[in-house]
Amino acid sequence: MTAEMTADLAPEGADSADPIAADAVADAILAAAGQPDAGRSIAPEQVARTLADGADWQRLLPSVRQAAVRLAREGRLVIYRKGKPVDPENFRGVYRLGLPQRDEA
């Protein structure tokens, strides 16, 4: 991913993200969660580091969280806290992301 693309993902101080950038973050979450070696869940930091290509990845964490909440509302992602699915509208602290299990659907 180029520096220009990552610069558009989460401009500092911006309340709303560019829809194309939000889609890029969502796509990166789904791609990382769908990797065979991902296991049951992934850390949001993994997605942010991939998008930022290693540099200043922390600033992308709010964008990853927003995209994860949106995907969870759509039923395309599960947000876990302490190994259990949580309400995407009401969770705090450390969390992980995973694809919905076929038997959960």
C-alpha atoms as a PDB file:
ATOM      1  CA  MET A   1       0.000   0.000   0.000  1.00  0.00           C
ATOM      2  CA  THR A   2       1.393   3.394  -0.932  1.00  0.00           C
ATOM      3  CA  ALA A   3       1.941   6.284   1.451  1.00  0.00           C
ATOM      4  CA  GLU A   4      -0.740   8.299  -0.362  1.00  0.00           C
ATOM      5  CA  MET A   5      -3.327   5.569   0.239  1.00  0.00           C
ATOM      6  CA  THR A   6      -2.502   5.205   3.924  1.00  0.00           C
ATOM      7  CA  ALA A   7      -2.521   8.972   4.424  1.00  0.00           C
ATOM      8  CA  ASP A   8      -6.157   9.013   3.329  1.00  0.00           C
ATOM      9  CA  LEU A   9      -7.225   6.199   5.656  1.00  0.00           C
ATOM     10  CA  ALA A  10      -7.448   8.147   8.896  1.00  0.00           C
ATOM     11  CA  PRO A  11      -6.563  11.800   8.722  1.00  0.00           C
ATOM     12  CA  GLU A  12      -5.843  13.101  12.203  1.00  0.00           C
ATOM     13  CA  GLY A  13      -8.738  14.980  13.722  1.00  0.00           C
ATOM     14  CA  ALA A  14     -11.204  13.766  11.102  1.00  0.00           C
ATOM     15  CA  ASP A  15     -14.539  12.525  12.385  1.00  0.00           C
ATOM     16  CA  SER A  16     -15.681  10.912   9.154  1.00  0.00           C
ATOM     17  CA  ALA A  17     -13.493   8.815   6.925  1.00  0.00           C
ATOM     18  CA  ASP A  18     -13.517   8.836   3.148  1.00  0.00           C
ATOM     19  CA  PRO A  19     -15.843   5.974   2.028  1.00  0.00           C
ATOM     20  CA  ILE A  20     -13.169   4.534  -0.236  1.00  0.00           C
ATOM     21  CA  ALA A  21     -10.675   4.533   2.627  1.00  0.00           C
ATOM     22  CA  ALA A  22     -13.227   2.962   4.985  1.00  0.00           C
ATOM     23  CA  ASP A  23     -13.813   0.236   2.409  1.00  0.00           C
ATOM     24  CA  ALA A  24     -10.060  -0.332   2.144  1.00  0.00           C
ATOM     25  CA  VAL A  25      -9.850  -0.794   5.912  1.00  0.00           C
ATOM     26  CA  ALA A  26     -12.856  -3.155   5.888  1.00  0.00           C
ATOM     27  CA  ASP A  27     -11.320  -5.153   3.037  1.00  0.00           C
ATOM     28  CA  ALA A  28      -8.031  -5.419   4.951  1.00  0.00           C
ATOM     29  CA  ILE A  29      -9.859  -6.678   8.065  1.00  0.00           C
ATOM     30  CA  LEU A  30     -11.744  -9.328   6.103  1.00  0.00           C
ATOM     31  CA  ALA A  31      -8.603 -10.382   4.236  1.00  0.00           C
ATOM     32  CA  ALA A  32      -6.573 -10.751   7.440  1.00  0.00           C
ATOM     33  CA  ALA A  33      -9.357 -12.601   9.257  1.00  0.00           C
ATOM     34  CA  GLY A  34      -9.770 -14.945   6.289  1.00  0.00           C
ATOM     35  CA  GLN A  35      -6.121 -16.020   6.155  1.00  0.00           C
ATOM     36  CA  PRO A  36      -5.693 -19.737   6.867  1.00  0.00           C
ATOM     37  CA  ASP A  37      -3.057 -19.003   9.524  1.00  0.00           C
ATOM     38  CA  ALA A  38      -5.204 -16.340  11.222  1.00  0.00           C
ATOM     39  CA  GLY A  39      -6.793 -18.819  13.601  1.00  0.00           C
ATOM     40  CA  ARG A  40     -10.139 -17.973  15.119  1.00  0.00           C
ATOM     41  CA  SER A  41      -9.405 -14.261  15.606  1.00  0.00           C
ATOM     42  CA  ILE A  42      -6.930 -11.508  14.812  1.00  0.00           C
ATOM     43  CA  ALA A  43      -5.746  -8.426  16.657  1.00  0.00           C
ATOM     44  CA  PRO A  44      -6.758  -5.028  15.254  1.00  0.00           C
ATOM     45  CA  GLU A  45      -3.099  -4.022  15.470  1.00  0.00           C
ATOM     46  CA  GLN A  46      -2.306  -6.631  12.824  1.00  0.00           C
ATOM     47  CA  VAL A  47      -4.620  -4.892  10.363  1.00  0.00           C
ATOM     48  CA  ALA A  48      -3.316  -1.414  11.227  1.00  0.00           C
ATOM     49  CA  ARG A  49       0.294  -2.526  10.750  1.00  0.00           C
ATOM     50  CA  THR A  50      -0.519  -4.057   7.386  1.00  0.00           C
ATOM     51  CA  LEU A  51      -2.281  -0.907   6.196  1.00  0.00           C
ATOM     52  CA  ALA A  52       0.425   1.429   7.478  1.00  0.00           C
ATOM     53  CA  ASP A  53       3.193  -0.757   6.085  1.00  0.00           C
ATOM     54  CA  GLY A  54       4.929  -0.608   9.460  1.00  0.00           C
ATOM     55  CA  ALA A  55       5.104   3.165   9.922  1.00  0.00           C
ATOM     56  CA  ASP A  56       2.857   5.058  12.357  1.00  0.00           C
ATOM     57  CA  TRP A  57       0.290   2.240  12.484  1.00  0.00           C
ATOM     58  CA  GLN A  58      -1.220   3.406  15.782  1.00  0.00           C
ATOM     59  CA  ARG A  59      -3.004   6.315  14.107  1.00  0.00           C
ATOM     60  CA  LEU A  60      -4.991   3.797  12.049  1.00  0.00           C
ATOM     61  CA  LEU A  61      -6.459   1.976  15.059  1.00  0.00           C
ATOM     62  CA  PRO A  62      -9.558   4.230  15.273  1.00  0.00           C
ATOM     63  CA  SER A  63     -10.270   3.549  11.587  1.00  0.00           C
ATOM     64  CA  VAL A  64      -9.860  -0.193  12.129  1.00  0.00           C
ATOM     65  CA  ARG A  65     -12.268  -0.057  15.070  1.00  0.00           C
ATOM     66  CA  GLN A  66     -14.858   1.940  13.076  1.00  0.00           C
ATOM     67  CA  ALA A  67     -14.660  -0.474  10.159  1.00  0.00           C
ATOM     68  CA  ALA A  68     -14.879  -3.472  12.508  1.00  0.00           C
ATOM     69  CA  VAL A  69     -18.009  -2.075  14.157  1.00  0.00           C
ATOM     70  CA  ARG A  70     -19.587  -1.489  10.753  1.00  0.00           C
ATOM     71  CA  LEU A  71     -18.740  -5.011   9.579  1.00  0.00           C
ATOM     72  CA  ALA A  72     -20.073  -6.489  12.824  1.00  0.00           C
ATOM     73  CA  ARG A  73     -23.359  -4.580  12.407  1.00  0.00           C
ATOM     74  CA  GLU A  74     -23.615  -6.053   8.913  1.00  0.00           C
ATOM     75  CA  GLY A  75     -22.998  -9.565  10.265  1.00  0.00           C
ATOM     76  CA  ARG A  76     -19.743  -9.971   8.346  1.00  0.00           C
ATOM     77  CA  LEU A  77     -17.435  -9.897  11.382  1.00  0.00           C
ATOM     78  CA  VAL A  78     -17.510 -10.824  15.067  1.00  0.00           C
ATOM     79  CA  ILE A  79     -15.852  -8.677  17.720  1.00  0.00           C
ATOM     80  CA  TYR A  80     -14.518 -10.695  20.654  1.00  0.00           C
ATOM     81  CA  ARG A  81     -13.618  -9.594  24.150  1.00  0.00           C
ATOM     82  CA  LYS A  82     -12.074 -12.181  26.471  1.00  0.00           C
ATOM     83  CA  GLY A  83     -12.895 -14.842  23.879  1.00  0.00           C
ATOM     84  CA  LYS A  84     -16.626 -14.097  23.757  1.00  0.00           C
ATOM     85  CA  PRO A  85     -18.621 -12.203  21.126  1.00  0.00           C
ATOM     86  CA  VAL A  86     -19.607  -8.695  22.221  1.00  0.00           C
ATOM     87  CA  ASP A  87     -22.138  -6.088  21.138  1.00  0.00           C
ATOM     88  CA  PRO A  88     -20.370  -3.951  18.492  1.00  0.00           C
ATOM     89  CA  GLU A  89     -22.147  -0.868  19.848  1.00  0.00           C
ATOM     90  CA  ASN A  90     -20.976  -1.362  23.429  1.00  0.00           C
ATOM     91  CA  PHE A  91     -17.488  -2.753  24.078  1.00  0.00           C
ATOM     92  CA  ARG A  92     -14.375  -1.379  25.670  1.00  0.00           C
ATOM     93  CA  GLY A  93     -10.772  -2.364  26.097  1.00  0.00           C
ATOM     94  CA  VAL A  94      -8.771  -5.025  24.312  1.00  0.00           C
ATOM     95  CA  TYR A  95     -10.669  -6.831  21.569  1.00  0.00           C
ATOM     96  CA  ARG A  96     -10.087  -9.229  18.704  1.00  0.00           C
ATOM     97  CA  LEU A  97     -11.766  -9.724  15.334  1.00  0.00           C
ATOM     98  CA  GLY A  98     -12.955 -12.860  13.612  1.00  0.00           C
ATOM     99  CA  LEU A  99     -15.185 -14.077  10.842  1.00  0.00           C
ATOM    100  CA  PRO A 100     -18.571 -15.453  11.865  1.00  0.00           C
ATOM    101  CA  GLN A 101     -18.486 -19.210  12.318  1.00  0.00           C
ATOM    102  CA  ARG A 102     -20.725 -21.103   9.934  1.00  0.00           C
ATOM    103  CA  ASP A 103     -22.509 -22.844  12.816  1.00  0.00           C
ATOM    104  CA  GLU A 104     -23.130 -19.456  14.552  1.00  0.00           C
ATOM    105  CA  ALA A 105     -25.032 -18.038  11.567  1.00  0.00           C
END
